[in-house]
Amino acid sequence: RGYYRVGYDGRDFISFDLGSERFVPADSAAEITRRRWEKEEVAEGFTNYLKHECPEWLRKYMGYR
């Protein structure tokens, strides 16, 4: 299970849920970003990061411990 959370000025702004592969805006201002990112298919990049890149970096990091 993975997720990616973005904050701004100390508050939650938008998050990405890997299970649903959808952006979840924290408020109406983030809704604008959600719409733009969905139009630009940004979710594919987040999905790739959370499924492949992030686990690879974690395995590499754990190897140094």
N, C-alpha and C. Protein backbone atom coordinates (compact mmCIF):
# COMPACT_ATOMS: atom_id res chain seq x y z
N ARG A 1 0.85 -1.18 0.00
CA ARG A 1 0.00 0.00 0.00
C ARG A 1 0.89 1.24 0.00
N GLY A 2 0.55 2.19 -0.81
CA GLY A 2 1.36 3.39 -0.87
C GLY A 2 0.51 4.63 -1.07
N TYR A 3 1.06 5.72 -0.66
CA TYR A 3 0.41 7.00 -0.91
C TYR A 3 1.47 8.08 -0.93
N TYR A 4 1.12 9.20 -1.49
CA TYR A 4 2.03 10.33 -1.61
C TYR A 4 1.24 11.56 -1.18
N ARG A 5 1.78 12.29 -0.24
CA ARG A 5 1.06 13.45 0.30
C ARG A 5 1.87 14.71 0.06
N VAL A 6 1.17 15.77 -0.37
CA VAL A 6 1.80 17.06 -0.63
C VAL A 6 1.18 18.09 0.29
N GLY A 7 2.02 18.88 0.94
CA GLY A 7 1.53 19.94 1.82
C GLY A 7 2.00 21.30 1.35
N TYR A 8 1.34 22.31 1.84
CA TYR A 8 1.71 23.68 1.51
C TYR A 8 1.45 24.55 2.73
N ASP A 9 2.43 25.32 3.11
CA ASP A 9 2.31 26.25 4.23
C ASP A 9 1.85 25.54 5.51
N GLY A 10 2.39 24.34 5.74
CA GLY A 10 2.10 23.59 6.95
C GLY A 10 0.77 22.85 6.96
N ARG A 11 0.08 22.81 5.82
CA ARG A 11 -1.22 22.13 5.76
C ARG A 11 -1.23 21.11 4.63
N ASP A 12 -2.07 20.09 4.80
CA ASP A 12 -2.26 19.13 3.72
C ASP A 12 -2.84 19.85 2.52
N PHE A 13 -2.38 19.46 1.32
CA PHE A 13 -2.88 20.08 0.10
C PHE A 13 -3.56 19.05 -0.79
N ILE A 14 -2.80 18.04 -1.19
CA ILE A 14 -3.35 16.99 -2.05
C ILE A 14 -2.56 15.72 -1.79
N SER A 15 -3.21 14.58 -1.96
CA SER A 15 -2.51 13.31 -1.80
C SER A 15 -2.86 12.41 -2.98
N PHE A 16 -2.04 11.39 -3.16
CA PHE A 16 -2.26 10.41 -4.21
C PHE A 16 -2.39 9.05 -3.56
N ASP A 17 -3.51 8.37 -3.81
CA ASP A 17 -3.76 7.05 -3.25
C ASP A 17 -3.44 6.00 -4.31
N LEU A 18 -2.47 5.15 -4.02
CA LEU A 18 -2.03 4.16 -4.99
C LEU A 18 -3.11 3.13 -5.27
N GLY A 19 -3.88 2.75 -4.26
CA GLY A 19 -4.92 1.74 -4.45
C GLY A 19 -5.93 2.13 -5.50
N SER A 20 -6.37 3.36 -5.46
CA SER A 20 -7.37 3.84 -6.43
C SER A 20 -6.72 4.57 -7.60
N GLU A 21 -5.42 4.86 -7.47
CA GLU A 21 -4.68 5.64 -8.47
C GLU A 21 -5.37 6.96 -8.76
N ARG A 22 -5.79 7.63 -7.67
CA ARG A 22 -6.50 8.90 -7.79
C ARG A 22 -5.91 9.92 -6.83
N PHE A 23 -6.05 11.18 -7.22
CA PHE A 23 -5.65 12.28 -6.36
C PHE A 23 -6.80 12.65 -5.45
N VAL A 24 -6.48 12.97 -4.21
CA VAL A 24 -7.48 13.35 -3.21
C VAL A 24 -7.15 14.76 -2.73
N PRO A 25 -7.93 15.75 -3.16
CA PRO A 25 -7.66 17.12 -2.73
C PRO A 25 -8.10 17.34 -1.28
N ALA A 26 -7.34 18.13 -0.54
CA ALA A 26 -7.69 18.42 0.85
C ALA A 26 -8.70 19.55 0.95
N ASP A 27 -8.78 20.39 -0.08
CA ASP A 27 -9.73 21.50 -0.05
C ASP A 27 -10.05 21.94 -1.48
N SER A 28 -10.87 22.94 -1.61
CA SER A 28 -11.30 23.38 -2.94
C SER A 28 -10.15 23.95 -3.77
N ALA A 29 -9.16 24.54 -3.13
CA ALA A 29 -8.01 25.07 -3.86
C ALA A 29 -7.23 23.93 -4.52
N ALA A 30 -7.12 22.81 -3.83
CA ALA A 30 -6.39 21.66 -4.37
C ALA A 30 -7.17 20.97 -5.48
N GLU A 31 -8.46 21.21 -5.54
CA GLU A 31 -9.29 20.62 -6.60
C GLU A 31 -8.81 21.08 -7.97
N ILE A 32 -8.37 22.32 -8.08
CA ILE A 32 -7.85 22.84 -9.34
C ILE A 32 -6.62 22.04 -9.77
N THR A 33 -5.74 21.78 -8.82
CA THR A 33 -4.54 20.99 -9.11
C THR A 33 -4.92 19.57 -9.49
N ARG A 34 -5.87 18.98 -8.78
CA ARG A 34 -6.32 17.61 -9.11
C ARG A 34 -6.79 17.53 -10.55
N ARG A 35 -7.62 18.45 -10.95
CA ARG A 35 -8.14 18.45 -12.33
C ARG A 35 -7.02 18.57 -13.35
N ARG A 36 -6.08 19.49 -13.09
CA ARG A 36 -4.98 19.68 -14.02
C ARG A 36 -4.11 18.43 -14.11
N TRP A 37 -3.77 17.86 -12.94
CA TRP A 37 -2.92 16.67 -12.93
C TRP A 37 -3.61 15.49 -13.60
N GLU A 38 -4.92 15.33 -13.40
CA GLU A 38 -5.62 14.24 -14.07
C GLU A 38 -5.63 14.45 -15.58
N LYS A 39 -5.80 15.66 -16.02
CA LYS A 39 -5.79 15.98 -17.45
C LYS A 39 -4.42 15.68 -18.05
N GLU A 40 -3.37 15.99 -17.30
CA GLU A 40 -1.99 15.79 -17.78
C GLU A 40 -1.47 14.39 -17.49
N GLU A 41 -2.30 13.52 -16.95
CA GLU A 41 -1.95 12.13 -16.64
C GLU A 41 -0.73 12.01 -15.73
N VAL A 42 -0.68 12.86 -14.74
CA VAL A 42 0.42 12.85 -13.76
C VAL A 42 0.36 11.59 -12.89
N ALA A 43 -0.82 10.99 -12.75
CA ALA A 43 -0.98 9.81 -11.91
C ALA A 43 -0.06 8.67 -12.34
N GLU A 44 0.21 8.56 -13.63
CA GLU A 44 1.10 7.49 -14.11
C GLU A 44 2.48 7.61 -13.49
N GLY A 45 2.98 8.82 -13.36
CA GLY A 45 4.29 9.03 -12.75
C GLY A 45 4.30 8.69 -11.27
N PHE A 46 3.24 9.08 -10.56
CA PHE A 46 3.15 8.75 -9.14
C PHE A 46 3.02 7.24 -8.94
N THR A 47 2.24 6.59 -9.80
CA THR A 47 2.07 5.14 -9.71
C THR A 47 3.41 4.45 -9.92
N ASN A 48 4.15 4.85 -10.93
CA ASN A 48 5.46 4.26 -11.20
C ASN A 48 6.40 4.49 -10.01
N TYR A 49 6.40 5.69 -9.48
CA TYR A 49 7.27 6.00 -8.34
C TYR A 49 6.94 5.11 -7.14
N LEU A 50 5.65 5.01 -6.81
CA LEU A 50 5.27 4.27 -5.61
C LEU A 50 5.39 2.75 -5.77
N LYS A 51 5.22 2.25 -6.98
CA LYS A 51 5.29 0.80 -7.20
C LYS A 51 6.71 0.32 -7.47
N HIS A 52 7.55 1.17 -8.07
CA HIS A 52 8.85 0.70 -8.52
C HIS A 52 10.03 1.46 -7.91
N GLU A 53 10.06 2.76 -8.10
CA GLU A 53 11.22 3.54 -7.65
C GLU A 53 11.36 3.57 -6.14
N CYS A 54 10.29 3.88 -5.45
CA CYS A 54 10.35 3.98 -3.99
C CYS A 54 10.77 2.66 -3.33
N PRO A 55 10.14 1.51 -3.69
CA PRO A 55 10.58 0.25 -3.09
C PRO A 55 12.05 -0.07 -3.40
N GLU A 56 12.48 0.28 -4.62
CA GLU A 56 13.88 0.03 -4.97
C GLU A 56 14.82 0.83 -4.07
N TRP A 57 14.51 2.10 -3.85
CA TRP A 57 15.33 2.94 -2.97
C TRP A 57 15.28 2.42 -1.54
N LEU A 58 14.13 1.96 -1.08
CA LEU A 58 14.04 1.43 0.28
C LEU A 58 14.89 0.18 0.44
N ARG A 59 14.85 -0.72 -0.56
CA ARG A 59 15.68 -1.92 -0.49
C ARG A 59 17.16 -1.55 -0.47
N LYS A 60 17.53 -0.57 -1.28
CA LYS A 60 18.92 -0.12 -1.33
C LYS A 60 19.33 0.48 0.02
N TYR A 61 18.47 1.30 0.58
CA TYR A 61 18.76 1.92 1.87
C TYR A 61 18.90 0.86 2.96
N MET A 62 18.01 -0.10 2.98
CA MET A 62 18.05 -1.13 4.01
C MET A 62 19.33 -1.97 3.89
N GLY A 63 19.87 -2.06 2.69
CA GLY A 63 21.12 -2.79 2.49
C GLY A 63 22.31 -2.10 3.14
N TYR A 64 22.22 -0.81 3.37
CA TYR A 64 23.30 -0.06 4.00
C TYR A 64 23.25 -0.12 5.52
N ARG A 65 22.19 -0.62 6.06
CA ARG A 65 22.03 -0.63 7.52
C ARG A 65 22.81 -1.71 8.14
